[in-house]
């Protein structure tokens, strides 16, 4: 039986090869390209918009990206995340227009869950970090209801928490 996954029954310069390459390019960037673009966009944004804070602490190599995906009928754009240690994370993506950066700080809450805060510049970041300093980077959850926009923590590997 011939190998249909690697054997090409047409020459590389043929019209079919040209059209198939064109279709692959038109379909959109591959996962690897999406990841690289997301990491580059995240690094560029913090260097441009947070030169005195995040750009001093987070390196381009710290970003880990995810390609575009669909879950439960929802489409998610490529994004990148960087750990700040202590349970805090940065998450970067672009708005639907592809030109507007969205940088979110994900913070562990004292209730054991997480809250996310969309950042709006260095001044906001510094104010937020000043508020988090007394709790060593934890968002204070002082209401009996889940008012912190809580996201459940990941389950333990040995079962539910």
Foldseek 3Di string as FASTA:
>chain_A
DDDPVPDDPDDCPDPVVVVVVVVVVVVDDDFVVQFVVQLVVVLVCCCVFVVPPVVVQDDSVQKGKGDWDDDPNDTDHIKIKGDPPPPKMWIWDAPPVRPHIWIKIWFAAPVRFIAIDTDDGDVRVVVVVVVCVVVPGHHYDDDPDPPRNGDHDDADPVDGD
